[in-house]
Amino acid sequence: AGDAYHVPITGQIGLYEPRVGEIRKKGAKLYARVAYLSLDDFAAEGEERHPVKTMTYVLEKAGQSIYISGIEE
């Protein structure tokens, strides 16, 4: 299935569900776009929920580790 990055759920538990969207590479950096869906926004079956907020996480590699080097709104 390939490599994957799991966005940790932090802060107030249970309010938002992160969904990783586009991941793109630019130079040595990866940019992962994450949409946060409200768990209070109940959509009817088959309807799409809309993100409350979208963030882009900038990821870099250091040795065998990958870390978040920046966050863009």
C-alpha atoms as a PDB file:
ATOM      1  CA  ALA A   1       0.000   0.000   0.000  1.00  0.00           C
ATOM      2  CA  GLY A   2       3.040   2.259   0.225  1.00  0.00           C
ATOM      3  CA  ASP A   3       4.271   4.606   2.899  1.00  0.00           C
ATOM      4  CA  ALA A   4       1.784   6.494   5.024  1.00  0.00           C
ATOM      5  CA  TYR A   5       1.781   9.302   7.567  1.00  0.00           C
ATOM      6  CA  HIS A   6      -0.849   9.245  10.303  1.00  0.00           C
ATOM      7  CA  VAL A   7      -1.766  12.693  11.616  1.00  0.00           C
ATOM      8  CA  PRO A   8      -1.968  12.467  15.403  1.00  0.00           C
ATOM      9  CA  ILE A   9      -5.208  13.603  16.972  1.00  0.00           C
ATOM     10  CA  THR A  10      -4.319  16.129  19.672  1.00  0.00           C
ATOM     11  CA  GLY A  11      -6.080  18.766  21.691  1.00  0.00           C
ATOM     12  CA  GLN A  12      -9.692  18.302  22.699  1.00  0.00           C
ATOM     13  CA  ILE A  13     -10.561  14.702  22.000  1.00  0.00           C
ATOM     14  CA  GLY A  14     -13.566  13.863  19.904  1.00  0.00           C
ATOM     15  CA  LEU A  15     -14.357  17.175  18.216  1.00  0.00           C
ATOM     16  CA  TYR A  16     -12.593  16.795  14.854  1.00  0.00           C
ATOM     17  CA  GLU A  17     -11.660  13.988  12.506  1.00  0.00           C
ATOM     18  CA  PRO A  18      -8.521  14.637  10.413  1.00  0.00           C
ATOM     19  CA  ARG A  19      -8.477  13.461   6.791  1.00  0.00           C
ATOM     20  CA  VAL A  20      -5.199  13.485   4.872  1.00  0.00           C
ATOM     21  CA  GLY A  21      -5.756  14.701   1.338  1.00  0.00           C
ATOM     22  CA  GLU A  22      -3.094  15.665  -1.168  1.00  0.00           C
ATOM     23  CA  ILE A  23       0.555  14.903  -0.397  1.00  0.00           C
ATOM     24  CA  ARG A  24       3.075  16.576  -2.692  1.00  0.00           C
ATOM     25  CA  LYS A  25       6.851  16.728  -2.781  1.00  0.00           C
ATOM     26  CA  LYS A  26       8.787  19.930  -3.449  1.00  0.00           C
ATOM     27  CA  GLY A  27      12.539  19.563  -3.208  1.00  0.00           C
ATOM     28  CA  ALA A  28      13.409  17.661  -0.037  1.00  0.00           C
ATOM     29  CA  LYS A  29      10.109  18.571   1.673  1.00  0.00           C
ATOM     30  CA  LEU A  30       6.715  16.873   1.692  1.00  0.00           C
ATOM     31  CA  TYR A  31       3.534  18.917   1.994  1.00  0.00           C
ATOM     32  CA  ALA A  32       0.543  17.057   3.460  1.00  0.00           C
ATOM     33  CA  ARG A  33      -2.823  18.796   3.244  1.00  0.00           C
ATOM     34  CA  VAL A  34      -5.116  17.778   6.127  1.00  0.00           C
ATOM     35  CA  ALA A  35      -8.824  18.633   6.329  1.00  0.00           C
ATOM     36  CA  TYR A  36     -10.464  18.629   9.754  1.00  0.00           C
ATOM     37  CA  LEU A  37     -14.099  17.516   9.768  1.00  0.00           C
ATOM     38  CA  SER A  38     -16.360  18.394  12.687  1.00  0.00           C
ATOM     39  CA  LEU A  39     -17.825  15.379  14.424  1.00  0.00           C
ATOM     40  CA  ASP A  40     -20.761  17.617  15.361  1.00  0.00           C
ATOM     41  CA  ASP A  41     -21.611  18.067  11.656  1.00  0.00           C
ATOM     42  CA  PHE A  42     -23.875  15.105  10.988  1.00  0.00           C
ATOM     43  CA  ALA A  43     -24.469  14.695   7.269  1.00  0.00           C
ATOM     44  CA  ALA A  44     -27.260  12.553   5.910  1.00  0.00           C
ATOM     45  CA  GLU A  45     -26.218   9.163   4.581  1.00  0.00           C
ATOM     46  CA  GLY A  46     -24.332   9.570   1.305  1.00  0.00           C
ATOM     47  CA  GLU A  47     -23.746  13.310   1.789  1.00  0.00           C
ATOM     48  CA  GLU A  48     -20.226  14.665   2.056  1.00  0.00           C
ATOM     49  CA  ARG A  49     -19.138  16.493   5.195  1.00  0.00           C
ATOM     50  CA  HIS A  50     -17.255  19.740   4.624  1.00  0.00           C
ATOM     51  CA  PRO A  51     -14.019  20.568   6.453  1.00  0.00           C
ATOM     52  CA  VAL A  52     -14.100  23.133   9.245  1.00  0.00           C
ATOM     53  CA  LYS A  53     -10.409  23.880   8.778  1.00  0.00           C
ATOM     54  CA  THR A  54      -7.640  22.848   6.390  1.00  0.00           C
ATOM     55  CA  MET A  55      -3.949  22.844   7.299  1.00  0.00           C
ATOM     56  CA  THR A  56      -0.819  21.989   5.339  1.00  0.00           C
ATOM     57  CA  TYR A  57       1.928  20.209   7.279  1.00  0.00           C
ATOM     58  CA  VAL A  58       5.515  20.582   6.009  1.00  0.00           C
ATOM     59  CA  LEU A  59       7.473  17.366   6.597  1.00  0.00           C
ATOM     60  CA  GLU A  60      11.232  16.852   6.425  1.00  0.00           C
ATOM     61  CA  LYS A  61      13.492  13.860   6.899  1.00  0.00           C
ATOM     62  CA  ALA A  62      16.360  13.794   9.405  1.00  0.00           C
ATOM     63  CA  GLY A  63      18.226  10.495   9.351  1.00  0.00           C
ATOM     64  CA  GLN A  64      15.601   7.750   9.630  1.00  0.00           C
ATOM     65  CA  SER A  65      12.969  10.079  11.136  1.00  0.00           C
ATOM     66  CA  ILE A  66      10.423  12.365   9.528  1.00  0.00           C
ATOM     67  CA  TYR A  67       9.332  15.439  11.480  1.00  0.00           C
ATOM     68  CA  ILE A  68       6.919  18.353  11.045  1.00  0.00           C
ATOM     69  CA  SER A  69       9.020  21.421  10.247  1.00  0.00           C
ATOM     70  CA  GLY A  70       6.149  23.816   9.621  1.00  0.00           C
ATOM     71  CA  ILE A  71       2.391  24.292   9.474  1.00  0.00           C
ATOM     72  CA  GLU A  72       0.534  26.492   6.976  1.00  0.00           C
ATOM     73  CA  GLU A  73      -3.137  27.502   7.159  1.00  0.00           C
END
